[in-house]
PDB file of N, CA and C in Angstrom:
ATOM      1  N   MET A   1       0.815  -1.317   0.010  1.00  0.00           N
ATOM      2  CA  MET A   1       0.031  -0.060   0.043  1.00  0.00           C
ATOM      3  C   MET A   1       0.802   1.212  -0.032  1.00  0.00           C
ATOM      4  N   HIS A   2       2.074   1.150   0.814  1.00  0.00           N
ATOM      5  CA  HIS A   2       2.926   2.305   0.711  1.00  0.00           C
ATOM      6  C   HIS A   2       3.459   2.496  -0.678  1.00  0.00           C
ATOM      7  N   SER A   3       3.965   1.570  -1.360  1.00  0.00           N
ATOM      8  CA  SER A   3       4.429   1.750  -2.792  1.00  0.00           C
ATOM      9  C   SER A   3       3.369   2.383  -3.733  1.00  0.00           C
ATOM     10  N   SER A   4       2.053   2.011  -3.481  1.00  0.00           N
ATOM     11  CA  SER A   4       1.239   2.646  -4.460  1.00  0.00           C
ATOM     12  C   SER A   4       0.975   4.177  -4.032  1.00  0.00           C
ATOM     13  N   GLY A   5       1.143   4.451  -2.736  1.00  0.00           N
ATOM     14  CA  GLY A   5       1.440   6.209  -2.399  1.00  0.00           C
ATOM     15  C   GLY A   5       2.353   6.595  -3.181  1.00  0.00           C
ATOM     16  N   ARG A   6       3.532   6.179  -3.248  1.00  0.00           N
ATOM     17  CA  ARG A   6       4.778   6.439  -3.961  1.00  0.00           C
ATOM     18  C   ARG A   6       4.321   6.685  -5.352  1.00  0.00           C
ATOM     19  N   ARG A   7       3.850   5.649  -6.024  1.00  0.00           N
ATOM     20  CA  ARG A   7       3.590   5.873  -7.422  1.00  0.00           C
ATOM     21  C   ARG A   7       2.725   6.914  -7.822  1.00  0.00           C
ATOM     22  N   THR A   8       1.677   7.072  -6.990  1.00  0.00           N
ATOM     23  CA  THR A   8       0.640   8.302  -7.050  1.00  0.00           C
ATOM     24  C   THR A   8       1.508   9.467  -7.004  1.00  0.00           C
ATOM     25  N   HIS A   9       2.277   9.678  -5.935  1.00  0.00           N
ATOM     26  CA  HIS A   9       3.061  11.132  -5.914  1.00  0.00           C
ATOM     27  C   HIS A   9       3.680  11.227  -7.221  1.00  0.00           C
ATOM     28  N   ARG A  10       4.421  10.073  -7.759  1.00  0.00           N
ATOM     29  CA  ARG A  10       5.400  10.128  -8.907  1.00  0.00           C
ATOM     30  C   ARG A  10       4.494  10.478 -10.147  1.00  0.00           C
ATOM     31  N   GLN A  11       3.120  10.101 -10.268  1.00  0.00           N
ATOM     32  CA  GLN A  11       2.268  10.412 -11.258  1.00  0.00           C
ATOM     33  C   GLN A  11       1.800  12.001 -11.363  1.00  0.00           C
ATOM     34  N   VAL A  12       1.512  12.253 -10.141  1.00  0.00           N
ATOM     35  CA  VAL A  12       1.341  13.738  -9.602  1.00  0.00           C
ATOM     36  C   VAL A  12       2.650  14.573 -10.069  1.00  0.00           C
ATOM     37  N   ALA A  13       3.726  14.365  -9.727  1.00  0.00           N
ATOM     38  CA  ALA A  13       4.765  15.039 -10.135  1.00  0.00           C
ATOM     39  C   ALA A  13       4.963  15.094 -11.639  1.00  0.00           C
ATOM     40  N   ARG A  14       4.903  14.007 -12.233  1.00  0.00           N
ATOM     41  CA  ARG A  14       4.999  13.944 -13.860  1.00  0.00           C
ATOM     42  C   ARG A  14       3.988  14.843 -14.265  1.00  0.00           C
ATOM     43  N   SER A  15       2.572  14.562 -13.869  1.00  0.00           N
ATOM     44  CA  SER A  15       1.570  15.497 -14.476  1.00  0.00           C
ATOM     45  C   SER A  15       1.788  17.132 -14.408  1.00  0.00           C
ATOM     46  N   ARG A  16       2.276  17.539 -13.215  1.00  0.00           N
ATOM     47  CA  ARG A  16       2.616  19.094 -12.847  1.00  0.00           C
ATOM     48  C   ARG A  16       3.786  19.244 -13.870  1.00  0.00           C
ATOM     49  N   GLY A  17       4.806  18.212 -14.019  1.00  0.00           N
ATOM     50  CA  GLY A  17       5.764  18.542 -15.266  1.00  0.00           C
ATOM     51  C   GLY A  17       5.131  19.003 -16.612  1.00  0.00           C
ATOM     52  N   GLN A  18       4.250  17.940 -16.692  1.00  0.00           N
ATOM     53  CA  GLN A  18       3.679  18.042 -18.137  1.00  0.00           C
ATOM     54  C   GLN A  18       2.731  19.463 -18.251  1.00  0.00           C
ATOM     55  N   SER A  19       2.068  19.738 -17.369  1.00  0.00           N
ATOM     56  CA  SER A  19       1.214  20.989 -17.358  1.00  0.00           C
ATOM     57  C   SER A  19       2.084  22.029 -17.450  1.00  0.00           C
ATOM     58  N   LEU A  20       3.316  22.168 -16.531  1.00  0.00           N
ATOM     59  CA  LEU A  20       4.273  23.409 -16.868  1.00  0.00           C
ATOM     60  C   LEU A  20       4.887  23.579 -18.238  1.00  0.00           C
ATOM     61  N   ALA A  21       5.104  22.304 -18.666  1.00  0.00           N
ATOM     62  CA  ALA A  21       5.694  22.362 -20.369  1.00  0.00           C
ATOM     63  C   ALA A  21       4.738  22.754 -21.331  1.00  0.00           C
ATOM     64  N   GLU A  22       3.178  22.440 -20.866  1.00  0.00           N
ATOM     65  CA  GLU A  22       2.294  22.789 -21.883  1.00  0.00           C
ATOM     66  C   GLU A  22       2.051  24.451 -21.584  1.00  0.00           C
ATOM     67  N   TYR A  23       2.002  24.908 -20.537  1.00  0.00           N
ATOM     68  CA  TYR A  23       1.996  26.272 -20.267  1.00  0.00           C
ATOM     69  C   TYR A  23       3.061  27.206 -20.973  1.00  0.00           C
ATOM     70  N   ALA A  24       4.215  26.470 -20.931  1.00  0.00           N
ATOM     71  CA  ALA A  24       5.524  27.178 -21.412  1.00  0.00           C
ATOM     72  C   ALA A  24       5.280  27.195 -23.052  1.00  0.00           C
ATOM     73  N   LEU A  25       4.797  26.176 -23.532  1.00  0.00           N
ATOM     74  CA  LEU A  25       4.670  25.919 -24.912  1.00  0.00           C
ATOM     75  C   LEU A  25       3.358  27.178 -25.558  1.00  0.00           C
ATOM     76  N   ILE A  26       2.550  27.189 -24.678  1.00  0.00           N
ATOM     77  CA  ILE A  26       1.386  28.029 -24.799  1.00  0.00           C
ATOM     78  C   ILE A  26       1.983  29.607 -24.834  1.00  0.00           C
ATOM     79  N   VAL A  27       2.764  29.885 -23.756  1.00  0.00           N
ATOM     80  CA  VAL A  27       3.503  31.234 -23.837  1.00  0.00           C
ATOM     81  C   VAL A  27       4.184  31.636 -24.855  1.00  0.00           C
ATOM     82  N   ALA A  28       4.871  30.681 -25.219  1.00  0.00           N
ATOM     83  CA  ALA A  28       5.895  30.710 -26.407  1.00  0.00           C
ATOM     84  C   ALA A  28       5.168  31.159 -27.608  1.00  0.00           C
ATOM     85  N   LEU A  29       4.037  30.536 -27.696  1.00  0.00           N
ATOM     86  CA  LEU A  29       3.295  30.429 -29.179  1.00  0.00           C
ATOM     87  C   LEU A  29       2.653  31.956 -29.069  1.00  0.00           C
ATOM     88  N   ILE A  30       2.284  32.478 -27.793  1.00  0.00           N
ATOM     89  CA  ILE A  30       1.757  33.800 -27.840  1.00  0.00           C
ATOM     90  C   ILE A  30       2.749  34.671 -28.092  1.00  0.00           C
ATOM     91  N   VAL A  31       3.891  34.401 -27.516  1.00  0.00           N
ATOM     92  CA  VAL A  31       4.738  35.440 -27.754  1.00  0.00           C
ATOM     93  C   VAL A  31       5.479  35.546 -29.330  1.00  0.00           C
ATOM     94  N   ILE A  32       5.365  34.375 -29.895  1.00  0.00           N
ATOM     95  CA  ILE A  32       5.584  34.329 -31.395  1.00  0.00           C
ATOM     96  C   ILE A  32       4.571  35.166 -32.222  1.00  0.00           C
ATOM     97  N   VAL A  33       3.474  34.700 -31.983  1.00  0.00           N
ATOM     98  CA  VAL A  33       2.157  35.467 -32.585  1.00  0.00           C
ATOM     99  C   VAL A  33       2.241  37.061 -32.477  1.00  0.00           C
ATOM    100  N   ALA A  34       2.624  37.341 -31.145  1.00  0.00           N
ATOM    101  CA  ALA A  34       2.848  38.858 -30.984  1.00  0.00           C
ATOM    102  C   ALA A  34       3.901  39.547 -31.333  1.00  0.00           C
ATOM    103  N   LEU A  35       5.067  38.886 -31.799  1.00  0.00           N
ATOM    104  CA  LEU A  35       6.159  39.453 -32.340  1.00  0.00           C
ATOM    105  C   LEU A  35       5.997  39.360 -33.999  1.00  0.00           C
ATOM    106  N   VAL A  36       5.149  38.505 -34.499  1.00  0.00           N
ATOM    107  CA  VAL A  36       4.898  38.349 -35.830  1.00  0.00           C
ATOM    108  C   VAL A  36       3.806  39.624 -36.169  1.00  0.00           C
ATOM    109  N   ALA A  37       3.054  39.653 -35.481  1.00  0.00           N
ATOM    110  CA  ALA A  37       1.939  40.921 -35.635  1.00  0.00           C
ATOM    111  C   ALA A  37       2.577  42.131 -35.332  1.00  0.00           C
ATOM    112  N   LEU A  38       3.472  42.269 -34.474  1.00  0.00           N
ATOM    113  CA  LEU A  38       4.344  43.620 -34.339  1.00  0.00           C
ATOM    114  C   LEU A  38       4.929  43.856 -35.476  1.00  0.00           C
ATOM    115  N   THR A  39       5.626  42.776 -36.124  1.00  0.00           N
ATOM    116  CA  THR A  39       6.592  42.863 -37.159  1.00  0.00           C
ATOM    117  C   THR A  39       5.903  43.354 -38.579  1.00  0.00           C
ATOM    118  N   LEU A  40       4.626  42.730 -38.466  1.00  0.00           N
ATOM    119  CA  LEU A  40       3.888  43.181 -39.992  1.00  0.00           C
ATOM    120  C   LEU A  40       2.928  44.160 -39.643  1.00  0.00           C
ATOM    121  N   PHE A  41       2.416  44.651 -38.563  1.00  0.00           N
ATOM    122  CA  PHE A  41       1.511  45.848 -38.402  1.00  0.00           C
ATOM    123  C   PHE A  41       2.427  47.077 -37.598  1.00  0.00           C
ATOM    124  N   GLY A  42       3.626  46.771 -37.131  1.00  0.00           N
ATOM    125  CA  GLY A  42       4.230  47.753 -36.626  1.00  0.00           C
ATOM    126  C   GLY A  42       4.255  49.115 -36.965  1.00  0.00           C
ATOM    127  N   THR A  43       4.561  49.334 -38.161  1.00  0.00           N
ATOM    128  CA  THR A  43       4.494  50.763 -38.792  1.00  0.00           C
ATOM    129  C   THR A  43       3.087  51.245 -38.869  1.00  0.00           C
ATOM    130  N   GLN A  44       2.221  50.660 -39.246  1.00  0.00           N
ATOM    131  CA  GLN A  44       0.588  51.047 -39.176  1.00  0.00           C
ATOM    132  C   GLN A  44       0.160  51.343 -37.870  1.00  0.00           C
ATOM    133  N   ILE A  45       0.715  50.686 -37.006  1.00  0.00           N
ATOM    134  CA  ILE A  45       0.272  50.975 -35.414  1.00  0.00           C
ATOM    135  C   ILE A  45       0.870  52.230 -34.988  1.00  0.00           C
ATOM    136  N   ASN A  46       2.242  52.320 -35.470  1.00  0.00           N
ATOM    137  CA  ASN A  46       2.977  53.492 -34.986  1.00  0.00           C
ATOM    138  C   ASN A  46       2.415  54.875 -35.678  1.00  0.00           C
ATOM    139  N   ASP A  47       1.998  54.731 -37.042  1.00  0.00           N
ATOM    140  CA  ASP A  47       1.518  55.779 -37.478  1.00  0.00           C
ATOM    141  C   ASP A  47       0.034  56.187 -37.128  1.00  0.00           C
ATOM    142  N   ILE A  48      -0.805  55.153 -36.489  1.00  0.00           N
ATOM    143  CA  ILE A  48      -2.183  55.549 -36.016  1.00  0.00           C
ATOM    144  C   ILE A  48      -1.815  56.229 -34.464  1.00  0.00           C
ATOM    145  N   LEU A  49      -0.836  55.711 -33.844  1.00  0.00           N
ATOM    146  CA  LEU A  49      -0.640  56.402 -32.664  1.00  0.00           C
ATOM    147  C   LEU A  49      -0.010  57.648 -32.769  1.00  0.00           C
ATOM    148  N   SER A  50       0.598  57.843 -33.746  1.00  0.00           N
ATOM    149  CA  SER A  50       1.050  59.228 -34.166  1.00  0.00           C
ATOM    150  C   SER A  50      -0.060  60.119 -34.437  1.00  0.00           C
ATOM    151  N   ILE A  51      -0.802  59.862 -35.273  1.00  0.00           N
ATOM    152  CA  ILE A  51      -2.048  60.711 -35.447  1.00  0.00           C
ATOM    153  C   ILE A  51      -2.667  61.228 -34.088  1.00  0.00           C
ATOM    154  N   ILE A  52      -2.987  60.188 -33.303  1.00  0.00           N
ATOM    155  CA  ILE A  52      -3.836  60.243 -32.270  1.00  0.00           C
ATOM    156  C   ILE A  52      -3.057  61.086 -31.296  1.00  0.00           C
ATOM    157  N   ALA A  53      -1.629  61.071 -31.052  1.00  0.00           N
ATOM    158  CA  ALA A  53      -0.906  61.997 -30.261  1.00  0.00           C
ATOM    159  C   ALA A  53      -1.017  63.405 -30.750  1.00  0.00           C
ATOM    160  N   ASN A  54      -0.956  63.473 -32.140  1.00  0.00           N
ATOM    161  CA  ASN A  54      -0.956  64.855 -32.792  1.00  0.00           C
ATOM    162  C   ASN A  54      -2.147  65.546 -32.663  1.00  0.00           C
ATOM    163  N   GLN A  55      -3.298  64.957 -32.598  1.00  0.00           N
ATOM    164  CA  GLN A  55      -4.688  65.491 -32.492  1.00  0.00           C
ATOM    165  C   GLN A  55      -4.749  65.534 -30.884  1.00  0.00           C
ATOM    166  N   ILE A  56      -4.487  65.122 -30.128  1.00  0.00           N
ATOM    167  CA  ILE A  56      -4.372  65.431 -28.416  1.00  0.00           C
ATOM    168  C   ILE A  56      -3.429  66.600 -28.348  1.00  0.00           C
ATOM    169  N   ASP A  57      -2.413  66.700 -28.797  1.00  0.00           N
ATOM    170  CA  ASP A  57      -1.366  67.854 -28.873  1.00  0.00           C
ATOM    171  C   ASP A  57      -2.080  69.095 -29.222  1.00  0.00           C
ATOM    172  N   GLY A  58      -2.967  68.938 -30.455  1.00  0.00           N
ATOM    173  CA  GLY A  58      -3.413  70.198 -30.969  1.00  0.00           C
ATOM    174  C   GLY A  58      -4.713  70.352 -30.552  1.00  0.00           C
ATOM    175  N   GLY A  59      -5.275  69.528 -29.771  1.00  0.00           N
ATOM    176  CA  GLY A  59      -6.531  69.618 -29.587  1.00  0.00           C
ATOM    177  C   GLY A  59      -7.390  70.374 -28.693  1.00  0.00           C
TER     178      GLY A  59
END
C-alpha cells in the first residue's frame, strides 16, 4: 500500500511537469504571434498612434 502512494506521488509530479511544459509552450506561441503581428503591423500601429498623439496635442 505504501508503494502505491509513492507511485501516485510520482504520477502527480509527472503530471505537474507536463502541465508546466504545456503552459510554457502556450506562452511561447503567444510571444511568437505577438512578435509576428508587431513585425507585420508595427508601422501602421505607429502611424495611428502618431495621429492620435498629434490630435491630442493640437486639441
